C-alpha atoms as a PDB file:
ATOM      1  CA  PHE A   1     -46.260 -72.426  17.747  1.00  0.00           C
ATOM      2  CA  ILE A   2     -42.511 -71.400  18.256  1.00  0.00           C
ATOM      3  CA  MET A   3     -43.176 -71.231  22.402  1.00  0.00           C
ATOM      4  CA  ALA A   4     -44.338 -75.108  22.197  1.00  0.00           C
ATOM      5  CA  MET A   5     -41.223 -76.077  20.124  1.00  0.00           C
ATOM      6  CA  VAL A   6     -38.798 -74.306  22.379  1.00  0.00           C
ATOM      7  CA  LYS A   7     -39.877 -76.351  25.677  1.00  0.00           C
ATOM      8  CA  ALA A   8     -40.281 -79.506  22.909  1.00  0.00           C
ATOM      9  CA  GLY A   9     -36.275 -79.074  22.617  1.00  0.00           C
ATOM     10  CA  GLY A  10     -36.696 -77.016  19.117  1.00  0.00           C
ATOM     11  CA  ASP A  11     -34.472 -74.101  18.313  1.00  0.00           C
ATOM     12  CA  ARG A  12     -36.546 -70.609  18.437  1.00  0.00           C
ATOM     13  CA  GLN A  13     -34.730 -69.159  15.153  1.00  0.00           C
ATOM     14  CA  GLU A  14     -35.045 -72.605  13.145  1.00  0.00           C
ATOM     15  CA  CYS A  15     -38.950 -72.968  14.203  1.00  0.00           C
ATOM     16  CA  HIS A  16     -39.078 -69.193  13.423  1.00  0.00           C
ATOM     17  CA  GLU A  17     -37.520 -70.263   9.766  1.00  0.00           C
ATOM     18  CA  GLN A  18     -39.465 -73.343   9.237  1.00  0.00           C
ATOM     19  CA  ILE A  19     -43.048 -71.256  10.111  1.00  0.00           C
ATOM     20  CA  ARG A  20     -41.550 -68.398   7.862  1.00  0.00           C
ATOM     21  CA  VAL A  21     -41.031 -70.632   4.820  1.00  0.00           C
ATOM     22  CA  LEU A  22     -44.817 -72.911   5.211  1.00  0.00           C
ATOM     23  CA  SER A  23     -46.782 -69.414   5.895  1.00  0.00           C
ATOM     24  CA  GLN A  24     -44.669 -68.109   2.448  1.00  0.00           C
ATOM     25  CA  GLN A  25     -45.955 -71.548   0.595  1.00  0.00           C
ATOM     26  CA  ALA A  26     -49.405 -71.057   2.532  1.00  0.00           C
ATOM     27  CA  GLY A  27     -49.732 -67.505   1.101  1.00  0.00           C
ATOM     28  CA  ASP A  28     -48.592 -68.271  -2.502  1.00  0.00           C
ATOM     29  CA  LYS A  29     -51.438 -70.938  -2.369  1.00  0.00           C
ATOM     30  CA  VAL A  30     -53.896 -68.017  -1.004  1.00  0.00           C
ATOM     31  CA  LYS A  31     -52.762 -65.675  -3.645  1.00  0.00           C
ATOM     32  CA  LEU A  32     -51.308 -66.975  -6.538  1.00  0.00           C
ATOM     33  CA  GLU A  33     -53.858 -69.828  -6.992  1.00  0.00           C
ATOM     34  CA  GLY A  34     -56.695 -68.979  -4.929  1.00  0.00           C
ATOM     35  CA  GLY A  35     -56.796 -71.326  -2.634  1.00  0.00           C
ATOM     36  CA  ASP A  36     -57.681 -72.140   0.873  1.00  0.00           C
ATOM     37  CA  ASN A  37     -55.030 -71.150   3.800  1.00  0.00           C
ATOM     38  CA  ASP A  38     -53.219 -74.447   4.766  1.00  0.00           C
ATOM     39  CA  LEU A  39     -50.695 -73.296   6.964  1.00  0.00           C
ATOM     40  CA  ILE A  40     -51.949 -75.617   9.953  1.00  0.00           C
ATOM     41  CA  GLN A  41     -52.123 -78.658   7.637  1.00  0.00           C
ATOM     42  CA  ARG A  42     -48.765 -77.633   6.533  1.00  0.00           C
ATOM     43  CA  ILE A  43     -47.421 -77.588   9.961  1.00  0.00           C
ATOM     44  CA  LYS A  44     -49.007 -80.803  10.811  1.00  0.00           C
ATOM     45  CA  ALA A  45     -47.456 -82.947   7.621  1.00  0.00           C
ATOM     46  CA  ASN A  46     -44.220 -80.950   8.422  1.00  0.00           C
ATOM     47  CA  PRO A  47     -41.774 -83.244  10.687  1.00  0.00           C
ATOM     48  CA  TYR A  48     -39.947 -80.572  12.328  1.00  0.00           C
ATOM     49  CA  PHE A  49     -43.161 -80.024  13.918  1.00  0.00           C
ATOM     50  CA  ALA A  50     -43.425 -83.737  15.000  1.00  0.00           C
ATOM     51  CA  PRO A  51     -42.666 -83.256  18.736  1.00  0.00           C
ATOM     52  CA  ILE A  52     -45.663 -81.230  19.120  1.00  0.00           C
ATOM     53  CA  HIS A  53     -48.095 -82.872  16.555  1.00  0.00           C
ATOM     54  CA  ALA A  54     -50.041 -83.981  19.326  1.00  0.00           C
ATOM     55  CA  ASP A  55     -50.544 -80.565  20.850  1.00  0.00           C
ATOM     56  CA  LEU A  56     -51.891 -78.094  17.952  1.00  0.00           C
ATOM     57  CA  ASP A  57     -55.017 -78.259  18.589  1.00  0.00           C
ATOM     58  CA  LYS A  58     -54.535 -77.366  22.284  1.00  0.00           C
ATOM     59  CA  LEU A  59     -52.363 -74.465  21.058  1.00  0.00           C
ATOM     60  CA  MET A  60     -55.021 -73.057  18.247  1.00  0.00           C
ATOM     61  CA  ASP A  61     -57.628 -72.844  21.299  1.00  0.00           C
ATOM     62  CA  PRO A  62     -58.498 -69.070  20.833  1.00  0.00           C
ATOM     63  CA  SER A  63     -59.496 -69.347  24.508  1.00  0.00           C
ATOM     64  CA  THR A  64     -55.907 -69.382  24.703  1.00  0.00           C
ATOM     65  CA  PHE A  65     -55.535 -65.836  23.565  1.00  0.00           C
ATOM     66  CA  VAL A  66     -58.077 -63.827  25.229  1.00  0.00           C
ATOM     67  CA  GLY A  67     -56.575 -63.745  28.805  1.00  0.00           C
ATOM     68  CA  ARG A  68     -58.711 -62.141  31.270  1.00  0.00           C
ATOM     69  CA  ALA A  69     -60.688 -60.494  28.302  1.00  0.00           C
ATOM     70  CA  PRO A  70     -64.225 -62.419  28.789  1.00  0.00           C
ATOM     71  CA  GLU A  71     -63.967 -61.797  32.816  1.00  0.00           C
ATOM     72  CA  GLN A  72     -62.764 -58.064  32.246  1.00  0.00           C
ATOM     73  CA  VAL A  73     -66.034 -57.831  29.763  1.00  0.00           C
ATOM     74  CA  ASP A  74     -68.430 -59.289  32.529  1.00  0.00           C
ATOM     75  CA  GLU A  75     -66.793 -57.037  35.829  1.00  0.00           C
ATOM     76  CA  PHE A  76     -67.473 -53.868  33.085  1.00  0.00           C
ATOM     77  CA  LEU A  77     -70.547 -54.730  32.565  1.00  0.00           C
ATOM     78  CA  ASN A  78     -71.396 -55.802  36.118  1.00  0.00           C
ATOM     79  CA  ALA A  79     -69.784 -52.283  37.506  1.00  0.00           C
ATOM     80  CA  GLU A  80     -70.612 -49.266  34.580  1.00  0.00           C
ATOM     81  CA  VAL A  81     -73.702 -50.869  32.097  1.00  0.00           C
ATOM     82  CA  HIS A  82     -75.941 -52.630  34.315  1.00  0.00           C
ATOM     83  CA  PRO A  83     -76.332 -50.006  36.825  1.00  0.00           C
ATOM     84  CA  VAL A  84     -77.020 -47.144  33.935  1.00  0.00           C
ATOM     85  CA  LEU A  85     -79.353 -49.504  32.291  1.00  0.00           C
ATOM     86  CA  GLU A  86     -81.228 -50.189  35.547  1.00  0.00           C
ATOM     87  CA  GLN A  87     -81.364 -46.417  36.360  1.00  0.00           C
ATOM     88  CA  TYR A  88     -83.171 -45.809  33.098  1.00  0.00           C
ATOM     89  CA  LYS A  89     -85.200 -48.890  32.567  1.00  0.00           C
ATOM     90  CA  ASP A  90     -88.661 -47.343  32.764  1.00  0.00           C
ATOM     91  CA  GLN A  91     -87.139 -45.088  29.685  1.00  0.00           C
ATOM     92  CA  LEU A  92     -85.955 -48.180  27.523  1.00  0.00           C
ATOM     93  CA  SER A  93     -89.192 -49.730  26.968  1.00  0.00           C
ATOM     94  CA  GLY A  94     -90.460 -49.441  23.219  1.00  0.00           C
ATOM     95  CA  SER A  95     -89.285 -50.179  20.165  1.00  0.00           C
ATOM     96  CA  VAL A  96     -86.935 -47.567  17.578  1.00  0.00           C
ATOM     97  CA  SER A  97     -87.622 -47.583  14.003  1.00  0.00           C
ATOM     98  CA  LEU A  98     -84.860 -46.625  11.830  1.00  0.00           C
ATOM     99  CA  ALA A  99     -84.566 -45.761   8.236  1.00  0.00           C
ATOM    100  CA  VAL A 100     -81.961 -45.089   6.279  1.00  0.00           C
END
């Protein structure tokens, strides 16, 4: 949110402070009242964040935080795992039972 606010003309330190205060309020709601974490709702309701209100859902998209991880996993599976599975495919049939 801070980077988006700075792009929209906000001050980085002021934005950080706003998030810090809202985070503490949301934390109190969880820890002291047993409620749900409502940080995002607080940000959406806060007029300071009005410049990015329309972008909040996009900013919260988890796929924006993983970078190349999905492609790296596919590359690893194709280069390392699948060849070994193929090599031992005859030994991988059947079932296994485990009792603990």
